N, C-alpha and C. Protein backbone atom coordinates (compact mmCIF):
# COMPACT_ATOMS: atom_id res chain seq x y z
N MET A 1 58.78 -42.18 -47.60
CA MET A 1 57.99 -41.67 -48.72
C MET A 1 58.77 -41.93 -50.00
N ASP A 2 58.09 -42.50 -51.00
CA ASP A 2 58.79 -42.79 -52.23
C ASP A 2 59.01 -41.53 -53.06
N GLN A 3 59.92 -41.62 -53.99
CA GLN A 3 60.31 -40.46 -54.80
C GLN A 3 59.13 -39.83 -55.55
N GLU A 4 58.24 -40.66 -56.07
CA GLU A 4 57.10 -40.15 -56.84
C GLU A 4 56.18 -39.29 -55.98
N ASN A 5 56.03 -39.66 -54.70
CA ASN A 5 55.11 -38.95 -53.82
C ASN A 5 55.79 -37.93 -52.92
N ALA A 6 57.11 -37.76 -53.05
CA ALA A 6 57.80 -36.76 -52.24
C ALA A 6 57.35 -35.37 -52.65
N PRO A 7 57.18 -34.46 -51.64
CA PRO A 7 56.72 -33.12 -51.99
C PRO A 7 57.75 -32.38 -52.84
N ARG A 8 57.28 -31.71 -53.85
CA ARG A 8 58.13 -30.88 -54.71
C ARG A 8 57.46 -29.52 -54.81
N PRO A 9 58.25 -28.46 -54.82
CA PRO A 9 57.65 -27.12 -54.86
C PRO A 9 56.76 -26.90 -56.08
N ASN A 10 57.07 -27.53 -57.19
CA ASN A 10 56.29 -27.28 -58.40
C ASN A 10 55.23 -28.35 -58.66
N ARG A 11 54.99 -29.23 -57.72
CA ARG A 11 54.02 -30.31 -57.93
C ARG A 11 52.62 -29.78 -58.22
N LEU A 12 52.17 -28.79 -57.45
CA LEU A 12 50.84 -28.24 -57.69
C LEU A 12 50.79 -27.56 -59.06
N ALA A 13 51.86 -26.89 -59.46
CA ALA A 13 51.89 -26.27 -60.79
C ALA A 13 51.74 -27.34 -61.87
N GLU A 14 52.42 -28.46 -61.71
CA GLU A 14 52.31 -29.57 -62.67
C GLU A 14 50.88 -30.13 -62.67
N GLN A 15 50.29 -30.29 -61.50
CA GLN A 15 48.93 -30.81 -61.40
C GLN A 15 47.93 -29.86 -62.04
N LEU A 16 48.12 -28.55 -61.84
CA LEU A 16 47.23 -27.57 -62.46
C LEU A 16 47.34 -27.60 -63.98
N ALA A 17 48.55 -27.76 -64.50
CA ALA A 17 48.73 -27.83 -65.96
C ALA A 17 48.02 -29.07 -66.52
N ALA A 18 48.15 -30.20 -65.84
CA ALA A 18 47.48 -31.43 -66.29
C ALA A 18 45.96 -31.28 -66.18
N TYR A 19 45.49 -30.65 -65.14
CA TYR A 19 44.06 -30.42 -64.95
C TYR A 19 43.51 -29.54 -66.06
N ARG A 20 44.26 -28.50 -66.40
CA ARG A 20 43.84 -27.58 -67.48
C ARG A 20 43.68 -28.33 -68.79
N ARG A 21 44.58 -29.27 -69.07
CA ARG A 21 44.48 -30.06 -70.30
C ARG A 21 43.27 -31.00 -70.25
N ARG A 22 43.00 -31.56 -69.09
CA ARG A 22 41.89 -32.52 -68.97
C ARG A 22 40.53 -31.84 -68.96
N TRP A 23 40.46 -30.65 -68.36
CA TRP A 23 39.19 -29.94 -68.22
C TRP A 23 39.31 -28.54 -68.83
N PRO A 24 39.38 -28.43 -70.15
CA PRO A 24 39.59 -27.11 -70.78
C PRO A 24 38.46 -26.12 -70.53
N ASP A 25 37.28 -26.59 -70.15
CA ASP A 25 36.18 -25.67 -69.84
C ASP A 25 36.38 -24.95 -68.51
N GLU A 26 37.38 -25.35 -67.75
CA GLU A 26 37.63 -24.76 -66.44
C GLU A 26 38.88 -23.88 -66.42
N LEU A 27 39.23 -23.32 -67.58
CA LEU A 27 40.44 -22.49 -67.68
C LEU A 27 40.43 -21.32 -66.71
N ALA A 28 39.29 -20.67 -66.53
CA ALA A 28 39.22 -19.50 -65.64
C ALA A 28 39.52 -19.91 -64.20
N THR A 29 39.00 -21.05 -63.78
CA THR A 29 39.26 -21.52 -62.41
C THR A 29 40.73 -21.86 -62.25
N VAL A 30 41.30 -22.56 -63.22
CA VAL A 30 42.73 -22.90 -63.15
C VAL A 30 43.56 -21.62 -63.07
N ALA A 31 43.19 -20.60 -63.82
CA ALA A 31 43.94 -19.34 -63.79
C ALA A 31 43.91 -18.71 -62.40
N LEU A 32 42.77 -18.77 -61.71
CA LEU A 32 42.70 -18.24 -60.35
C LEU A 32 43.62 -19.00 -59.40
N PHE A 33 43.65 -20.32 -59.53
CA PHE A 33 44.52 -21.15 -58.68
C PHE A 33 45.98 -20.87 -59.00
N ARG A 34 46.29 -20.72 -60.26
CA ARG A 34 47.67 -20.46 -60.68
C ARG A 34 48.13 -19.09 -60.14
N GLU A 35 47.24 -18.11 -60.18
CA GLU A 35 47.56 -16.78 -59.67
C GLU A 35 47.88 -16.84 -58.18
N LEU A 36 47.08 -17.59 -57.42
CA LEU A 36 47.36 -17.73 -55.99
C LEU A 36 48.66 -18.48 -55.77
N LEU A 37 48.91 -19.53 -56.53
CA LEU A 37 50.14 -20.30 -56.38
C LEU A 37 51.36 -19.42 -56.60
N ASP A 38 51.27 -18.47 -57.53
CA ASP A 38 52.40 -17.58 -57.84
C ASP A 38 52.54 -16.43 -56.85
N ASP A 39 51.58 -16.27 -55.94
CA ASP A 39 51.62 -15.19 -54.96
C ASP A 39 52.63 -15.55 -53.86
N PRO A 40 53.60 -14.68 -53.60
CA PRO A 40 54.61 -15.00 -52.58
C PRO A 40 54.10 -14.87 -51.15
N ASP A 41 52.88 -14.39 -50.96
CA ASP A 41 52.35 -14.13 -49.62
C ASP A 41 51.65 -15.34 -49.01
N ARG A 42 52.37 -16.39 -48.76
CA ARG A 42 51.93 -17.57 -48.00
C ARG A 42 50.58 -18.15 -48.44
N PRO A 43 50.45 -18.58 -49.68
CA PRO A 43 49.15 -19.08 -50.15
C PRO A 43 48.70 -20.38 -49.49
N PHE A 44 49.61 -21.07 -48.80
CA PHE A 44 49.26 -22.34 -48.14
C PHE A 44 48.95 -22.15 -46.65
N GLU A 45 48.90 -20.89 -46.20
CA GLU A 45 48.66 -20.58 -44.79
C GLU A 45 47.27 -19.97 -44.61
N ARG A 46 46.53 -20.45 -43.62
CA ARG A 46 45.20 -19.90 -43.36
C ARG A 46 45.26 -18.46 -42.87
N ALA A 47 46.42 -18.01 -42.41
CA ALA A 47 46.58 -16.62 -41.97
C ALA A 47 46.47 -15.64 -43.13
N ARG A 48 46.60 -16.12 -44.36
CA ARG A 48 46.45 -15.26 -45.55
C ARG A 48 44.95 -15.07 -45.77
N LEU A 49 44.43 -13.99 -45.20
CA LEU A 49 42.98 -13.80 -45.13
C LEU A 49 42.34 -13.41 -46.45
N ALA A 50 43.11 -13.02 -47.44
CA ALA A 50 42.52 -12.75 -48.75
C ALA A 50 42.07 -14.05 -49.42
N GLY A 51 42.64 -15.16 -49.00
CA GLY A 51 42.32 -16.48 -49.56
C GLY A 51 43.52 -17.39 -49.44
N HIS A 52 43.27 -18.69 -49.40
CA HIS A 52 44.36 -19.65 -49.25
C HIS A 52 43.91 -21.03 -49.76
N PHE A 53 44.91 -21.89 -49.97
CA PHE A 53 44.65 -23.23 -50.45
C PHE A 53 44.11 -24.13 -49.35
N THR A 54 43.22 -25.03 -49.77
CA THR A 54 42.74 -26.11 -48.92
C THR A 54 42.80 -27.39 -49.75
N GLY A 55 42.78 -28.53 -49.08
CA GLY A 55 42.79 -29.82 -49.77
C GLY A 55 41.61 -30.65 -49.33
N SER A 56 40.91 -31.25 -50.28
CA SER A 56 39.73 -32.06 -49.97
C SER A 56 39.80 -33.42 -50.63
N ALA A 57 39.01 -34.33 -50.04
CA ALA A 57 38.99 -35.72 -50.49
C ALA A 57 37.62 -36.09 -51.04
N TRP A 58 37.60 -36.56 -52.28
CA TRP A 58 36.43 -37.23 -52.85
C TRP A 58 36.62 -38.68 -52.44
N LEU A 59 36.15 -39.00 -51.22
CA LEU A 59 36.45 -40.27 -50.57
C LEU A 59 35.45 -41.33 -51.03
N VAL A 60 35.90 -42.19 -51.94
CA VAL A 60 35.02 -43.19 -52.54
C VAL A 60 35.17 -44.54 -51.85
N SER A 61 34.07 -45.25 -51.81
CA SER A 61 34.02 -46.58 -51.21
C SER A 61 34.79 -47.58 -52.08
N ALA A 62 35.07 -48.72 -51.50
CA ALA A 62 35.79 -49.76 -52.25
C ALA A 62 35.03 -50.19 -53.49
N ASP A 63 33.70 -50.14 -53.46
CA ASP A 63 32.92 -50.53 -54.64
C ASP A 63 32.79 -49.41 -55.67
N ARG A 64 33.36 -48.23 -55.38
CA ARG A 64 33.42 -47.08 -56.29
C ARG A 64 32.05 -46.46 -56.59
N ARG A 65 31.03 -46.81 -55.82
CA ARG A 65 29.68 -46.29 -56.10
C ARG A 65 29.20 -45.27 -55.08
N ARG A 66 29.93 -45.13 -53.97
CA ARG A 66 29.50 -44.21 -52.92
C ARG A 66 30.66 -43.30 -52.51
N VAL A 67 30.28 -42.16 -51.95
CA VAL A 67 31.26 -41.19 -51.47
C VAL A 67 30.89 -40.83 -50.04
N LEU A 68 31.90 -40.63 -49.19
CA LEU A 68 31.66 -40.26 -47.80
C LEU A 68 31.61 -38.74 -47.70
N LEU A 69 30.49 -38.23 -47.18
CA LEU A 69 30.30 -36.79 -47.01
C LEU A 69 30.15 -36.45 -45.53
N THR A 70 30.45 -35.20 -45.22
CA THR A 70 30.29 -34.69 -43.87
C THR A 70 29.23 -33.60 -43.85
N HIS A 71 28.41 -33.61 -42.81
CA HIS A 71 27.54 -32.47 -42.55
C HIS A 71 28.38 -31.54 -41.68
N HIS A 72 28.99 -30.57 -42.35
CA HIS A 72 30.01 -29.71 -41.77
C HIS A 72 29.44 -28.89 -40.62
N ARG A 73 30.11 -28.95 -39.47
CA ARG A 73 29.62 -28.29 -38.27
C ARG A 73 29.56 -26.77 -38.43
N LYS A 74 30.60 -26.16 -38.99
CA LYS A 74 30.64 -24.69 -39.12
C LYS A 74 29.78 -24.19 -40.27
N LEU A 75 29.75 -24.90 -41.38
CA LEU A 75 29.02 -24.43 -42.55
C LEU A 75 27.56 -24.88 -42.58
N GLY A 76 27.26 -25.99 -41.89
CA GLY A 76 25.88 -26.47 -41.83
C GLY A 76 25.38 -27.07 -43.13
N ILE A 77 26.29 -27.57 -43.98
CA ILE A 77 25.90 -28.20 -45.25
C ILE A 77 26.67 -29.50 -45.43
N TRP A 78 26.18 -30.36 -46.33
CA TRP A 78 26.86 -31.60 -46.68
C TRP A 78 27.93 -31.29 -47.73
N VAL A 79 29.17 -31.66 -47.43
CA VAL A 79 30.30 -31.45 -48.33
C VAL A 79 31.29 -32.61 -48.20
N GLN A 80 32.30 -32.59 -49.04
CA GLN A 80 33.36 -33.58 -48.97
C GLN A 80 34.26 -33.27 -47.77
N LEU A 81 35.03 -34.25 -47.34
CA LEU A 81 35.98 -34.05 -46.24
C LEU A 81 37.16 -33.22 -46.73
N GLY A 82 37.72 -32.41 -45.86
CA GLY A 82 38.88 -31.62 -46.25
C GLY A 82 39.18 -30.53 -45.26
N GLY A 83 40.26 -29.79 -45.55
CA GLY A 83 40.64 -28.73 -44.63
C GLY A 83 41.82 -27.92 -45.10
N HIS A 84 42.33 -27.11 -44.19
CA HIS A 84 43.41 -26.17 -44.47
C HIS A 84 44.75 -26.88 -44.70
N ALA A 85 45.56 -26.27 -45.56
CA ALA A 85 46.89 -26.82 -45.86
C ALA A 85 47.85 -26.60 -44.70
N ASP A 86 47.65 -25.53 -43.94
CA ASP A 86 48.52 -25.21 -42.80
C ASP A 86 50.01 -25.31 -43.16
N GLY A 87 50.35 -24.73 -44.30
CA GLY A 87 51.75 -24.64 -44.71
C GLY A 87 52.23 -25.77 -45.59
N ASP A 88 51.46 -26.82 -45.76
CA ASP A 88 51.89 -27.97 -46.56
C ASP A 88 51.52 -27.73 -48.04
N PRO A 89 52.52 -27.64 -48.92
CA PRO A 89 52.22 -27.42 -50.34
C PRO A 89 51.74 -28.66 -51.09
N ASP A 90 51.77 -29.83 -50.44
CA ASP A 90 51.30 -31.07 -51.07
C ASP A 90 49.82 -31.24 -50.71
N LEU A 91 48.96 -30.71 -51.56
CA LEU A 91 47.53 -30.70 -51.23
C LEU A 91 46.90 -32.09 -51.30
N GLY A 92 47.50 -33.02 -52.04
CA GLY A 92 47.04 -34.41 -52.02
C GLY A 92 47.26 -35.02 -50.64
N ARG A 93 48.40 -34.72 -50.06
CA ARG A 93 48.70 -35.20 -48.71
C ARG A 93 47.75 -34.56 -47.69
N VAL A 94 47.45 -33.26 -47.89
CA VAL A 94 46.50 -32.56 -47.03
C VAL A 94 45.13 -33.24 -47.10
N ALA A 95 44.67 -33.55 -48.32
CA ALA A 95 43.37 -34.20 -48.50
C ALA A 95 43.33 -35.55 -47.78
N LEU A 96 44.39 -36.32 -47.91
CA LEU A 96 44.46 -37.63 -47.26
C LEU A 96 44.44 -37.48 -45.74
N LYS A 97 45.24 -36.58 -45.22
CA LYS A 97 45.30 -36.36 -43.76
C LYS A 97 43.93 -35.93 -43.22
N GLU A 98 43.29 -35.00 -43.92
CA GLU A 98 41.98 -34.52 -43.47
C GLU A 98 40.94 -35.65 -43.53
N ALA A 99 40.98 -36.46 -44.58
CA ALA A 99 40.04 -37.58 -44.69
C ALA A 99 40.23 -38.56 -43.54
N GLU A 100 41.48 -38.85 -43.21
CA GLU A 100 41.75 -39.76 -42.09
C GLU A 100 41.26 -39.18 -40.77
N GLU A 101 41.60 -37.90 -40.54
CA GLU A 101 41.22 -37.25 -39.28
C GLU A 101 39.71 -37.12 -39.13
N GLU A 102 39.03 -36.76 -40.21
CA GLU A 102 37.60 -36.47 -40.13
C GLU A 102 36.72 -37.71 -40.21
N SER A 103 37.28 -38.83 -40.68
CA SER A 103 36.47 -40.05 -40.81
C SER A 103 36.86 -41.16 -39.85
N GLY A 104 38.09 -41.11 -39.34
CA GLY A 104 38.58 -42.20 -38.50
C GLY A 104 38.87 -43.47 -39.27
N LEU A 105 38.76 -43.42 -40.61
CA LEU A 105 39.01 -44.61 -41.42
C LEU A 105 40.50 -44.86 -41.59
N ALA A 106 40.88 -46.12 -41.54
CA ALA A 106 42.27 -46.52 -41.79
C ALA A 106 42.37 -47.08 -43.20
N GLY A 107 43.57 -47.16 -43.71
CA GLY A 107 43.79 -47.78 -45.02
C GLY A 107 43.37 -46.93 -46.20
N LEU A 108 43.28 -45.61 -46.02
CA LEU A 108 42.92 -44.72 -47.13
C LEU A 108 44.15 -44.47 -48.01
N SER A 109 43.91 -44.17 -49.28
CA SER A 109 45.01 -43.84 -50.18
C SER A 109 44.54 -42.85 -51.23
N VAL A 110 45.46 -41.95 -51.63
CA VAL A 110 45.17 -41.01 -52.71
C VAL A 110 45.31 -41.78 -54.01
N ASP A 111 44.33 -41.63 -54.87
CA ASP A 111 44.28 -42.37 -56.13
C ASP A 111 45.04 -41.63 -57.22
N GLY A 112 46.27 -42.00 -57.47
CA GLY A 112 47.04 -41.46 -58.58
C GLY A 112 47.66 -40.10 -58.37
N GLY A 113 47.22 -39.34 -57.40
CA GLY A 113 47.83 -38.04 -57.11
C GLY A 113 47.42 -36.91 -58.03
N ALA A 114 46.53 -37.16 -58.99
CA ALA A 114 46.09 -36.09 -59.91
C ALA A 114 44.95 -35.30 -59.27
N LEU A 115 44.85 -34.04 -59.64
CA LEU A 115 43.71 -33.24 -59.21
C LEU A 115 42.43 -33.81 -59.82
N PHE A 116 41.41 -33.95 -59.01
CA PHE A 116 40.11 -34.42 -59.49
C PHE A 116 39.17 -33.26 -59.77
N ASP A 117 39.26 -32.22 -58.93
CA ASP A 117 38.36 -31.09 -59.09
C ASP A 117 38.99 -29.87 -58.42
N LEU A 118 38.61 -28.70 -58.90
CA LEU A 118 39.02 -27.43 -58.31
C LEU A 118 37.76 -26.62 -58.01
N ASP A 119 37.77 -25.97 -56.86
CA ASP A 119 36.61 -25.14 -56.51
C ASP A 119 37.08 -23.97 -55.66
N ARG A 120 36.75 -22.78 -56.10
CA ARG A 120 37.01 -21.56 -55.32
C ARG A 120 35.67 -21.13 -54.75
N HIS A 121 35.59 -21.10 -53.41
CA HIS A 121 34.32 -20.75 -52.78
C HIS A 121 34.55 -19.83 -51.58
N TRP A 122 33.53 -19.03 -51.32
CA TRP A 122 33.58 -18.03 -50.26
C TRP A 122 33.22 -18.66 -48.93
N ILE A 123 34.02 -18.37 -47.91
CA ILE A 123 33.74 -18.80 -46.55
C ILE A 123 33.28 -17.57 -45.77
N PRO A 124 32.08 -17.61 -45.21
CA PRO A 124 31.57 -16.42 -44.51
C PRO A 124 32.34 -16.11 -43.23
N GLU A 125 32.24 -14.87 -42.81
CA GLU A 125 32.85 -14.43 -41.55
C GLU A 125 32.36 -15.31 -40.40
N ARG A 126 33.30 -15.63 -39.51
CA ARG A 126 32.95 -16.42 -38.33
C ARG A 126 33.82 -15.95 -37.17
N GLY A 127 33.19 -15.39 -36.16
CA GLY A 127 33.94 -14.87 -35.01
C GLY A 127 34.87 -13.76 -35.45
N ASP A 128 36.15 -13.91 -35.10
CA ASP A 128 37.13 -12.88 -35.45
C ASP A 128 37.81 -13.14 -36.79
N VAL A 129 37.36 -14.17 -37.51
CA VAL A 129 37.93 -14.47 -38.84
C VAL A 129 37.01 -13.88 -39.91
N PRO A 130 37.53 -12.93 -40.69
CA PRO A 130 36.68 -12.33 -41.73
C PRO A 130 36.39 -13.32 -42.85
N GLY A 131 35.37 -13.02 -43.64
CA GLY A 131 35.08 -13.84 -44.81
C GLY A 131 36.29 -13.88 -45.73
N HIS A 132 36.47 -15.02 -46.39
CA HIS A 132 37.65 -15.19 -47.25
C HIS A 132 37.40 -16.31 -48.26
N TRP A 133 38.30 -16.42 -49.24
CA TRP A 133 38.19 -17.43 -50.28
C TRP A 133 38.98 -18.68 -49.90
N HIS A 134 38.37 -19.82 -50.16
CA HIS A 134 39.09 -21.10 -50.13
C HIS A 134 39.31 -21.54 -51.57
N TYR A 135 40.54 -21.86 -51.88
CA TYR A 135 40.92 -22.41 -53.17
C TYR A 135 41.12 -23.90 -52.92
N ASP A 136 40.07 -24.67 -53.16
CA ASP A 136 40.03 -26.06 -52.74
C ASP A 136 40.46 -27.00 -53.86
N ALA A 137 41.58 -27.68 -53.63
CA ALA A 137 42.09 -28.70 -54.55
C ALA A 137 41.57 -30.04 -54.06
N ARG A 138 40.87 -30.75 -54.93
CA ARG A 138 40.20 -31.99 -54.54
C ARG A 138 40.83 -33.19 -55.22
N TYR A 139 41.03 -34.25 -54.44
CA TYR A 139 41.69 -35.46 -54.90
C TYR A 139 40.80 -36.66 -54.60
N VAL A 140 40.88 -37.67 -55.46
CA VAL A 140 40.18 -38.92 -55.18
C VAL A 140 40.97 -39.67 -54.12
N VAL A 141 40.26 -40.04 -53.07
CA VAL A 141 40.84 -40.86 -52.00
C VAL A 141 40.00 -42.11 -51.92
N ARG A 142 40.67 -43.24 -51.89
CA ARG A 142 39.99 -44.54 -51.87
C ARG A 142 39.92 -45.10 -50.46
N ALA A 143 38.76 -45.60 -50.11
CA ALA A 143 38.57 -46.28 -48.83
C ALA A 143 39.11 -47.70 -48.94
N GLY A 144 39.55 -48.22 -47.82
CA GLY A 144 39.97 -49.61 -47.75
C GLY A 144 38.76 -50.50 -47.51
N ALA A 145 38.99 -51.62 -46.90
CA ALA A 145 37.92 -52.59 -46.69
C ALA A 145 36.88 -52.11 -45.68
N SER A 146 37.31 -51.39 -44.66
CA SER A 146 36.37 -50.95 -43.63
C SER A 146 35.71 -49.64 -44.03
N GLU A 147 34.42 -49.57 -43.80
CA GLU A 147 33.66 -48.34 -44.05
C GLU A 147 33.06 -47.81 -42.76
N ASP A 148 33.54 -48.30 -41.64
CA ASP A 148 33.02 -47.90 -40.33
C ASP A 148 33.71 -46.63 -39.88
N PHE A 149 33.10 -45.51 -40.19
CA PHE A 149 33.68 -44.21 -39.87
C PHE A 149 33.37 -43.81 -38.43
N VAL A 150 34.09 -42.77 -37.98
CA VAL A 150 33.88 -42.15 -36.69
C VAL A 150 33.65 -40.67 -36.95
N VAL A 151 32.58 -40.11 -36.42
CA VAL A 151 32.27 -38.70 -36.62
C VAL A 151 33.19 -37.86 -35.73
N SER A 152 33.93 -36.94 -36.36
CA SER A 152 34.83 -36.07 -35.61
C SER A 152 34.08 -34.85 -35.11
N GLU A 153 34.75 -34.06 -34.30
CA GLU A 153 34.13 -32.84 -33.77
C GLU A 153 33.89 -31.78 -34.84
N GLU A 154 34.45 -31.97 -36.04
CA GLU A 154 34.25 -31.01 -37.13
C GLU A 154 32.93 -31.25 -37.86
N SER A 155 32.24 -32.33 -37.54
CA SER A 155 31.03 -32.72 -38.27
C SER A 155 29.84 -32.89 -37.35
N HIS A 156 28.66 -32.62 -37.89
CA HIS A 156 27.42 -33.02 -37.23
C HIS A 156 27.19 -34.50 -37.48
N ALA A 157 27.53 -34.95 -38.71
CA ALA A 157 27.30 -36.33 -39.10
C ALA A 157 28.16 -36.64 -40.32
N LEU A 158 28.36 -37.93 -40.59
CA LEU A 158 28.98 -38.43 -41.82
C LEU A 158 28.00 -39.41 -42.43
N ALA A 159 28.06 -39.55 -43.76
CA ALA A 159 27.19 -40.53 -44.42
C ALA A 159 27.79 -40.93 -45.76
N TRP A 160 27.67 -42.22 -46.08
CA TRP A 160 28.00 -42.71 -47.41
C TRP A 160 26.81 -42.39 -48.30
N ARG A 161 27.07 -41.71 -49.43
CA ARG A 161 26.00 -41.34 -50.35
C ARG A 161 26.27 -41.93 -51.73
N ASP A 162 25.21 -42.39 -52.38
CA ASP A 162 25.30 -42.95 -53.72
C ASP A 162 25.70 -41.84 -54.70
N ILE A 163 26.76 -42.05 -55.46
CA ILE A 163 27.27 -41.02 -56.36
C ILE A 163 26.28 -40.72 -57.47
N GLY A 164 25.62 -41.74 -58.00
CA GLY A 164 24.63 -41.51 -59.04
C GLY A 164 23.49 -40.62 -58.56
N GLU A 165 23.05 -40.82 -57.33
CA GLU A 165 22.00 -39.97 -56.77
C GLU A 165 22.49 -38.54 -56.58
N LEU A 166 23.73 -38.36 -56.13
CA LEU A 166 24.28 -37.01 -55.96
C LEU A 166 24.32 -36.25 -57.28
N ALA A 167 24.63 -36.97 -58.35
CA ALA A 167 24.74 -36.33 -59.67
C ALA A 167 23.41 -35.75 -60.14
N GLU A 168 22.31 -36.30 -59.65
CA GLU A 168 20.98 -35.89 -60.11
C GLU A 168 20.19 -35.06 -59.11
N ALA A 169 20.60 -35.06 -57.85
CA ALA A 169 19.81 -34.41 -56.80
C ALA A 169 19.88 -32.89 -56.91
N ALA A 170 18.73 -32.27 -57.06
CA ALA A 170 18.66 -30.81 -57.22
C ALA A 170 19.10 -30.09 -55.95
N ASP A 171 18.94 -30.71 -54.79
CA ASP A 171 19.29 -30.05 -53.53
C ASP A 171 20.74 -30.27 -53.13
N THR A 172 21.53 -30.91 -53.97
CA THR A 172 22.94 -31.14 -53.71
C THR A 172 23.75 -29.90 -54.04
N ASP A 173 24.75 -29.62 -53.22
CA ASP A 173 25.67 -28.52 -53.50
C ASP A 173 26.17 -28.65 -54.94
N PRO A 174 26.20 -27.55 -55.70
CA PRO A 174 26.61 -27.64 -57.12
C PRO A 174 27.99 -28.25 -57.33
N SER A 175 28.94 -28.00 -56.42
CA SER A 175 30.26 -28.59 -56.62
C SER A 175 30.25 -30.09 -56.37
N LEU A 176 29.42 -30.57 -55.44
CA LEU A 176 29.27 -32.01 -55.24
C LEU A 176 28.64 -32.66 -56.46
N ARG A 177 27.64 -31.99 -57.01
CA ARG A 177 26.98 -32.51 -58.23
C ARG A 177 27.99 -32.59 -59.37
N ARG A 178 28.83 -31.55 -59.51
CA ARG A 178 29.85 -31.54 -60.57
C ARG A 178 30.83 -32.70 -60.37
N MET A 179 31.29 -32.91 -59.13
CA MET A 179 32.23 -34.01 -58.88
C MET A 179 31.58 -35.35 -59.15
N ALA A 180 30.32 -35.51 -58.75
CA ALA A 180 29.62 -36.78 -59.02
C ALA A 180 29.54 -37.03 -60.52
N ARG A 181 29.24 -35.99 -61.28
CA ARG A 181 29.16 -36.15 -62.73
C ARG A 181 30.52 -36.44 -63.34
N LYS A 182 31.56 -35.80 -62.82
CA LYS A 182 32.91 -36.14 -63.29
C LYS A 182 33.21 -37.61 -63.01
N TRP A 183 32.90 -38.05 -61.81
CA TRP A 183 33.18 -39.43 -61.43
C TRP A 183 32.46 -40.42 -62.33
N LEU A 184 31.24 -40.08 -62.69
CA LEU A 184 30.43 -40.96 -63.53
C LEU A 184 30.74 -40.79 -65.02
N GLY A 185 31.64 -39.88 -65.35
CA GLY A 185 32.00 -39.66 -66.75
C GLY A 185 30.96 -38.90 -67.53
N GLN A 186 30.16 -38.09 -66.82
CA GLN A 186 29.09 -37.35 -67.48
C GLN A 186 29.51 -35.95 -67.89
N LEU A 187 30.71 -35.54 -67.59
CA LEU A 187 31.18 -34.21 -68.01
C LEU A 187 32.27 -34.37 -69.05
């Protein structure tokens, strides 16, 4: 691993500061993420049931016009690929790992390492796990030449979706619509 991409304890703090400068309308969201980051009670562990960090991938095709989405098995909705940090403070690395595992695609790469989007969302109770907050840090991940994905057991289905259509579709999850608009430079 090269020096630039080596995990550093303050990397997420630096990314949040840069995100706050780029997206000043999202100061309240950044403050929530910063508060969790400063919490000494294992914010990168899913065992922290009050809420914890997750990492997600805005996985774009080589032509930059489509994004790979999953019809999430547990949530029953179309969302970006991603998952729990499981102790890893490098959420860009988490996003990349989850994208690889959930899509079966090889040759993926995190684009620049900057935060692309932040989203705090409620996860409903499931089995013996109570409802809790996910603090989802989202990164742009680029697909390589192959777009032949494999559906993992975490998904009902995967699909490449046109980003322009996502930006306008009323039935699209609001955070997906926001990311599509960011990608298209509409925000």
